[in-house]
Amino acid sequence: MENGPEASRVVDLVAYQDGAIVSRIILKKDSGNVTLFAFEAGQQLSEHTTPYDGLVQVVDGEAEITIAGKP
């Protein structure tokens, strides 16, 4: 029997860095990507659009998310 992919904890796949936003793509498909982000306090992504649906899961801390100008 062939071994499948190794299980990982999401919080262990990307780490905080002082004054930065760290990102790591963990799945890349024609239909969209799954990207993990680690935000240092006070950091933010610039406003942008994407042709795919978005999913946000906060696993540590808290975030304010704005969509179409509405928090």
PDB file of N, CA and C in Angstrom:
ATOM      1  N   MET A   1       0.839  -1.174   0.000  1.00  0.00           N
ATOM      2  CA  MET A   1       0.000   0.000   0.000  1.00  0.00           C
ATOM      3  C   MET A   1       0.888   1.243   0.000  1.00  0.00           C
ATOM      4  N   GLU A   2       0.547   2.206  -0.846  1.00  0.00           N
ATOM      5  CA  GLU A   2       1.325   3.431  -0.982  1.00  0.00           C
ATOM      6  C   GLU A   2       0.934   4.440   0.093  1.00  0.00           C
ATOM      7  N   ASN A   3       1.939   5.140   0.654  1.00  0.00           N
ATOM      8  CA  ASN A   3       1.652   6.163   1.660  1.00  0.00           C
ATOM      9  C   ASN A   3       1.081   7.399   1.001  1.00  0.00           C
ATOM     10  N   GLY A   4       0.103   8.033   1.659  1.00  0.00           N
ATOM     11  CA  GLY A   4      -0.476   9.286   1.182  1.00  0.00           C
ATOM     12  C   GLY A   4       0.316  10.466   1.706  1.00  0.00           C
ATOM     13  N   PRO A   5      -0.181  11.684   1.475  1.00  0.00           N
ATOM     14  CA  PRO A   5       0.514  12.881   1.959  1.00  0.00           C
ATOM     15  C   PRO A   5       0.573  12.900   3.485  1.00  0.00           C
ATOM     16  N   GLU A   6       1.616  13.487   4.007  1.00  0.00           N
ATOM     17  CA  GLU A   6       1.793  13.585   5.450  1.00  0.00           C
ATOM     18  C   GLU A   6       0.882  14.681   6.009  1.00  0.00           C
ATOM     19  N   ALA A   7       0.242  14.421   7.122  1.00  0.00           N
ATOM     20  CA  ALA A   7      -0.631  15.407   7.764  1.00  0.00           C
ATOM     21  C   ALA A   7       0.215  16.483   8.442  1.00  0.00           C
ATOM     22  N   SER A   8      -0.285  17.732   8.391  1.00  0.00           N
ATOM     23  CA  SER A   8       0.400  18.858   9.028  1.00  0.00           C
ATOM     24  C   SER A   8      -0.627  19.730   9.730  1.00  0.00           C
ATOM     25  N   ARG A   9      -0.194  20.413  10.779  1.00  0.00           N
ATOM     26  CA  ARG A   9      -1.039  21.417  11.428  1.00  0.00           C
ATOM     27  C   ARG A   9      -0.873  22.723  10.671  1.00  0.00           C
ATOM     28  N   VAL A  10      -1.979  23.374  10.336  1.00  0.00           N
ATOM     29  CA  VAL A  10      -1.944  24.611   9.558  1.00  0.00           C
ATOM     30  C   VAL A  10      -1.023  25.638  10.210  1.00  0.00           C
ATOM     31  N   VAL A  11      -1.084  25.778  11.523  1.00  0.00           N
ATOM     32  CA  VAL A  11      -0.271  26.793  12.208  1.00  0.00           C
ATOM     33  C   VAL A  11       1.219  26.511  12.116  1.00  0.00           C
ATOM     34  N   ASP A  12       1.598  25.298  11.766  1.00  0.00           N
ATOM     35  CA  ASP A  12       3.014  24.966  11.637  1.00  0.00           C
ATOM     36  C   ASP A  12       3.560  25.183  10.214  1.00  0.00           C
ATOM     37  N   LEU A  13       2.701  25.531   9.266  1.00  0.00           N
ATOM     38  CA  LEU A  13       3.118  25.633   7.869  1.00  0.00           C
ATOM     39  C   LEU A  13       3.573  27.031   7.450  1.00  0.00           C
ATOM     40  N   VAL A  14       3.288  28.044   8.268  1.00  0.00           N
ATOM     41  CA  VAL A  14       3.714  29.416   7.961  1.00  0.00           C
ATOM     42  C   VAL A  14       3.951  30.129   9.292  1.00  0.00           C
ATOM     43  N   ALA A  15       4.999  30.946   9.364  1.00  0.00           N
ATOM     44  CA  ALA A  15       5.384  31.574  10.629  1.00  0.00           C
ATOM     45  C   ALA A  15       5.354  33.098  10.512  1.00  0.00           C
ATOM     46  N   TYR A  16       5.123  33.758  11.635  1.00  0.00           N
ATOM     47  CA  TYR A  16       5.156  35.218  11.694  1.00  0.00           C
ATOM     48  C   TYR A  16       6.577  35.726  11.480  1.00  0.00           C
ATOM     49  N   GLN A  17       6.688  36.917  10.867  1.00  0.00           N
ATOM     50  CA  GLN A  17       7.969  37.621  10.759  1.00  0.00           C
ATOM     51  C   GLN A  17       7.717  39.075  11.122  1.00  0.00           C
ATOM     52  N   ASP A  18       8.639  39.686  11.860  1.00  0.00           N
ATOM     53  CA  ASP A  18       8.487  41.069  12.287  1.00  0.00           C
ATOM     54  C   ASP A  18       8.216  41.990  11.111  1.00  0.00           C
ATOM     55  N   GLY A  19       7.136  42.783  11.218  1.00  0.00           N
ATOM     56  CA  GLY A  19       6.822  43.800  10.222  1.00  0.00           C
ATOM     57  C   GLY A  19       6.486  43.285   8.840  1.00  0.00           C
ATOM     58  N   ALA A  20       6.050  42.039   8.726  1.00  0.00           N
ATOM     59  CA  ALA A  20       5.834  41.463   7.398  1.00  0.00           C
ATOM     60  C   ALA A  20       4.572  40.614   7.341  1.00  0.00           C
ATOM     61  N   ILE A  21       4.155  40.364   6.103  1.00  0.00           N
ATOM     62  CA  ILE A  21       3.118  39.378   5.825  1.00  0.00           C
ATOM     63  C   ILE A  21       3.823  38.219   5.132  1.00  0.00           C
ATOM     64  N   VAL A  22       3.660  37.036   5.672  1.00  0.00           N
ATOM     65  CA  VAL A  22       4.293  35.843   5.098  1.00  0.00           C
ATOM     66  C   VAL A  22       3.192  35.007   4.456  1.00  0.00           C
ATOM     67  N   SER A  23       3.418  34.543   3.223  1.00  0.00           N
ATOM     68  CA  SER A  23       2.425  33.701   2.565  1.00  0.00           C
ATOM     69  C   SER A  23       3.078  32.421   2.052  1.00  0.00           C
ATOM     70  N   ARG A  24       2.256  31.394   1.967  1.00  0.00           N
ATOM     71  CA  ARG A  24       2.723  30.104   1.445  1.00  0.00           C
ATOM     72  C   ARG A  24       1.566  29.428   0.719  1.00  0.00           C
ATOM     73  N   ILE A  25       1.737  29.155  -0.561  1.00  0.00           N
ATOM     74  CA  ILE A  25       0.721  28.425  -1.323  1.00  0.00           C
ATOM     75  C   ILE A  25       0.858  26.952  -0.980  1.00  0.00           C
ATOM     76  N   ILE A  26      -0.244  26.348  -0.515  1.00  0.00           N
ATOM     77  CA  ILE A  26      -0.197  24.924  -0.180  1.00  0.00           C
ATOM     78  C   ILE A  26      -0.964  24.069  -1.179  1.00  0.00           C
ATOM     79  N   LEU A  27      -1.769  24.723  -2.043  1.00  0.00           N
ATOM     80  CA  LEU A  27      -2.484  24.005  -3.098  1.00  0.00           C
ATOM     81  C   LEU A  27      -2.676  24.955  -4.264  1.00  0.00           C
ATOM     82  N   LYS A  28      -2.277  24.534  -5.451  1.00  0.00           N
ATOM     83  CA  LYS A  28      -2.402  25.377  -6.641  1.00  0.00           C
ATOM     84  C   LYS A  28      -3.109  24.575  -7.731  1.00  0.00           C
ATOM     85  N   LYS A  29      -4.282  25.077  -8.144  1.00  0.00           N
ATOM     86  CA  LYS A  29      -5.091  24.418  -9.169  1.00  0.00           C
ATOM     87  C   LYS A  29      -5.574  25.469 -10.163  1.00  0.00           C
ATOM     88  N   ASP A  30      -6.017  25.038 -11.341  1.00  0.00           N
ATOM     89  CA  ASP A  30      -6.596  25.964 -12.314  1.00  0.00           C
ATOM     90  C   ASP A  30      -7.838  26.650 -11.754  1.00  0.00           C
ATOM     91  N   SER A  31      -8.532  25.982 -10.847  1.00  0.00           N
ATOM     92  CA  SER A  31      -9.768  26.519 -10.273  1.00  0.00           C
ATOM     93  C   SER A  31      -9.516  27.444  -9.075  1.00  0.00           C
ATOM     94  N   GLY A  32      -8.269  27.596  -8.644  1.00  0.00           N
ATOM     95  CA  GLY A  32      -7.937  28.484  -7.528  1.00  0.00           C
ATOM     96  C   GLY A  32      -6.821  27.919  -6.678  1.00  0.00           C
ATOM     97  N   ASN A  33      -6.378  28.715  -5.724  1.00  0.00           N
ATOM     98  CA  ASN A  33      -5.280  28.333  -4.838  1.00  0.00           C
ATOM     99  C   ASN A  33      -5.737  28.336  -3.389  1.00  0.00           C
ATOM    100  N   VAL A  34      -5.013  27.618  -2.566  1.00  0.00           N
ATOM    101  CA  VAL A  34      -5.149  27.724  -1.115  1.00  0.00           C
ATOM    102  C   VAL A  34      -3.832  28.303  -0.622  1.00  0.00           C
ATOM    103  N   THR A  35      -3.910  29.482  -0.029  1.00  0.00           N
ATOM    104  CA  THR A  35      -2.719  30.187   0.437  1.00  0.00           C
ATOM    105  C   THR A  35      -2.845  30.490   1.917  1.00  0.00           C
ATOM    106  N   LEU A  36      -1.823  30.164   2.661  1.00  0.00           N
ATOM    107  CA  LEU A  36      -1.773  30.493   4.085  1.00  0.00           C
ATOM    108  C   LEU A  36      -1.051  31.824   4.249  1.00  0.00           C
ATOM    109  N   PHE A  37      -1.525  32.642   5.179  1.00  0.00           N
ATOM    110  CA  PHE A  37      -0.892  33.924   5.482  1.00  0.00           C
ATOM    111  C   PHE A  37      -0.626  34.014   6.974  1.00  0.00           C
ATOM    112  N   ALA A  38       0.483  34.635   7.329  1.00  0.00           N
ATOM    113  CA  ALA A  38       0.778  35.008   8.717  1.00  0.00           C
ATOM    114  C   ALA A  38       1.016  36.512   8.713  1.00  0.00           C
ATOM    115  N   PHE A  39       0.186  37.239   9.427  1.00  0.00           N
ATOM    116  CA  PHE A  39       0.269  38.697   9.488  1.00  0.00           C
ATOM    117  C   PHE A  39       0.843  39.120  10.831  1.00  0.00           C
ATOM    118  N   GLU A  40       1.878  39.918  10.826  1.00  0.00           N
ATOM    119  CA  GLU A  40       2.348  40.557  12.043  1.00  0.00           C
ATOM    120  C   GLU A  40       1.291  41.596  12.429  1.00  0.00           C
ATOM    121  N   ALA A  41       1.131  41.888  13.702  1.00  0.00           N
ATOM    122  CA  ALA A  41       0.125  42.853  14.165  1.00  0.00           C
ATOM    123  C   ALA A  41       0.248  44.153  13.376  1.00  0.00           C
ATOM    124  N   GLY A  42      -0.891  44.672  12.912  1.00  0.00           N
ATOM    125  CA  GLY A  42      -0.919  45.933  12.182  1.00  0.00           C
ATOM    126  C   GLY A  42      -0.703  45.814  10.690  1.00  0.00           C
ATOM    127  N   GLN A  43      -0.355  44.641  10.183  1.00  0.00           N
ATOM    128  CA  GLN A  43      -0.132  44.452   8.749  1.00  0.00           C
ATOM    129  C   GLN A  43      -1.460  44.199   8.046  1.00  0.00           C
ATOM    130  N   GLN A  44      -1.530  44.540   6.751  1.00  0.00           N
ATOM    131  CA  GLN A  44      -2.741  44.299   5.980  1.00  0.00           C
ATOM    132  C   GLN A  44      -2.418  44.072   4.509  1.00  0.00           C
ATOM    133  N   LEU A  45      -3.294  43.339   3.837  1.00  0.00           N
ATOM    134  CA  LEU A  45      -3.178  43.172   2.397  1.00  0.00           C
ATOM    135  C   LEU A  45      -3.794  44.394   1.730  1.00  0.00           C
ATOM    136  N   SER A  46      -3.270  44.764   0.570  1.00  0.00           N
ATOM    137  CA  SER A  46      -3.886  45.846  -0.185  1.00  0.00           C
ATOM    138  C   SER A  46      -5.193  45.335  -0.793  1.00  0.00           C
ATOM    139  N   GLU A  47      -6.105  46.255  -1.079  1.00  0.00           N
ATOM    140  CA  GLU A  47      -7.368  45.880  -1.689  1.00  0.00           C
ATOM    141  C   GLU A  47      -7.091  45.241  -3.048  1.00  0.00           C
ATOM    142  N   HIS A  48      -7.776  44.158  -3.334  1.00  0.00           N
ATOM    143  CA  HIS A  48      -7.577  43.470  -4.605  1.00  0.00           C
ATOM    144  C   HIS A  48      -8.822  42.683  -4.983  1.00  0.00           C
ATOM    145  N   THR A  49      -8.865  42.217  -6.216  1.00  0.00           N
ATOM    146  CA  THR A  49      -9.954  41.367  -6.672  1.00  0.00           C
ATOM    147  C   THR A  49      -9.367  40.036  -7.128  1.00  0.00           C
ATOM    148  N   THR A  50     -10.218  39.038  -7.202  1.00  0.00           N
ATOM    149  CA  THR A  50      -9.807  37.716  -7.643  1.00  0.00           C
ATOM    150  C   THR A  50     -10.974  37.055  -8.369  1.00  0.00           C
ATOM    151  N   PRO A  51     -10.707  36.228  -9.358  1.00  0.00           N
ATOM    152  CA  PRO A  51     -11.805  35.564 -10.064  1.00  0.00           C
ATOM    153  C   PRO A  51     -12.373  34.366  -9.298  1.00  0.00           C
ATOM    154  N   TYR A  52     -11.827  34.085  -8.123  1.00  0.00           N
ATOM    155  CA  TYR A  52     -12.246  32.924  -7.341  1.00  0.00           C
ATOM    156  C   TYR A  52     -12.956  33.364  -6.070  1.00  0.00           C
ATOM    157  N   ASP A  53     -13.750  32.462  -5.502  1.00  0.00           N
ATOM    158  CA  ASP A  53     -14.332  32.705  -4.189  1.00  0.00           C
ATOM    159  C   ASP A  53     -13.224  32.724  -3.153  1.00  0.00           C
ATOM    160  N   GLY A  54     -13.439  33.456  -2.082  1.00  0.00           N
ATOM    161  CA  GLY A  54     -12.465  33.516  -1.003  1.00  0.00           C
ATOM    162  C   GLY A  54     -12.986  32.825   0.246  1.00  0.00           C
ATOM    163  N   LEU A  55     -12.080  32.258   0.999  1.00  0.00           N
ATOM    164  CA  LEU A  55     -12.386  31.640   2.284  1.00  0.00           C
ATOM    165  C   LEU A  55     -11.334  32.114   3.270  1.00  0.00           C
ATOM    166  N   VAL A  56     -11.775  32.607   4.417  1.00  0.00           N
ATOM    167  CA  VAL A  56     -10.846  33.061   5.446  1.00  0.00           C
ATOM    168  C   VAL A  56     -11.109  32.263   6.711  1.00  0.00           C
ATOM    169  N   GLN A  57     -10.046  31.735   7.289  1.00  0.00           N
ATOM    170  CA  GLN A  57     -10.132  31.059   8.574  1.00  0.00           C
ATOM    171  C   GLN A  57      -9.021  31.617   9.444  1.00  0.00           C
ATOM    172  N   VAL A  58      -9.392  32.281  10.524  1.00  0.00           N
ATOM    173  CA  VAL A  58      -8.416  32.844  11.452  1.00  0.00           C
ATOM    174  C   VAL A  58      -8.123  31.780  12.501  1.00  0.00           C
ATOM    175  N   VAL A  59      -6.851  31.378  12.614  1.00  0.00           N
ATOM    176  CA  VAL A  59      -6.493  30.320  13.563  1.00  0.00           C
ATOM    177  C   VAL A  59      -5.739  30.854  14.778  1.00  0.00           C
ATOM    178  N   ASP A  60      -5.348  32.134  14.738  1.00  0.00           N
ATOM    179  CA  ASP A  60      -4.648  32.737  15.868  1.00  0.00           C
ATOM    180  C   ASP A  60      -4.877  34.240  15.806  1.00  0.00           C
ATOM    181  N   GLY A  61      -5.269  34.846  16.897  1.00  0.00           N
ATOM    182  CA  GLY A  61      -5.480  36.286  16.921  1.00  0.00           C
ATOM    183  C   GLY A  61      -6.850  36.659  16.400  1.00  0.00           C
ATOM    184  N   GLU A  62      -6.947  37.866  15.842  1.00  0.00           N
ATOM    185  CA  GLU A  62      -8.214  38.338  15.296  1.00  0.00           C
ATOM    186  C   GLU A  62      -7.933  39.195  14.078  1.00  0.00           C
ATOM    187  N   ALA A  63      -8.960  39.394  13.248  1.00  0.00           N
ATOM    188  CA  ALA A  63      -8.788  40.156  12.010  1.00  0.00           C
ATOM    189  C   ALA A  63     -10.057  40.928  11.700  1.00  0.00           C
ATOM    190  N   GLU A  64      -9.888  42.044  11.022  1.00  0.00           N
ATOM    191  CA  GLU A  64     -11.027  42.738  10.428  1.00  0.00           C
ATOM    192  C   GLU A  64     -10.915  42.539   8.929  1.00  0.00           C
ATOM    193  N   ILE A  65     -11.972  42.013   8.342  1.00  0.00           N
ATOM    194  CA  ILE A  65     -11.984  41.715   6.918  1.00  0.00           C
ATOM    195  C   ILE A  65     -12.999  42.629   6.256  1.00  0.00           C
ATOM    196  N   THR A  66     -12.587  43.307   5.194  1.00  0.00           N
ATOM    197  CA  THR A  66     -13.458  44.226   4.467  1.00  0.00           C
ATOM    198  C   THR A  66     -13.714  43.663   3.073  1.00  0.00           C
ATOM    199  N   ILE A  67     -14.989  43.566   2.712  1.00  0.00           N
ATOM    200  CA  ILE A  67     -15.376  43.078   1.393  1.00  0.00           C
ATOM    201  C   ILE A  67     -16.295  44.122   0.758  1.00  0.00           C
ATOM    202  N   ALA A  68     -15.923  44.571  -0.428  1.00  0.00           N
ATOM    203  CA  ALA A  68     -16.676  45.600  -1.154  1.00  0.00           C
ATOM    204  C   ALA A  68     -16.872  46.838  -0.284  1.00  0.00           C
ATOM    205  N   GLY A  69     -15.833  47.209   0.451  1.00  0.00           N
ATOM    206  CA  GLY A  69     -15.864  48.409   1.275  1.00  0.00           C
ATOM    207  C   GLY A  69     -16.611  48.276   2.592  1.00  0.00           C
ATOM    208  N   LYS A  70     -17.113  47.084   2.903  1.00  0.00           N
ATOM    209  CA  LYS A  70     -17.886  46.879   4.140  1.00  0.00           C
ATOM    210  C   LYS A  70     -17.137  45.923   5.071  1.00  0.00           C
ATOM    211  N   PRO A  71     -16.853  46.404   6.307  1.00  0.00           N
ATOM    212  CA  PRO A  71     -16.182  45.500   7.271  1.00  0.00           C
ATOM    213  C   PRO A  71     -17.090  44.355   7.713  1.00  0.00           C
TER     214      PRO A  71
END
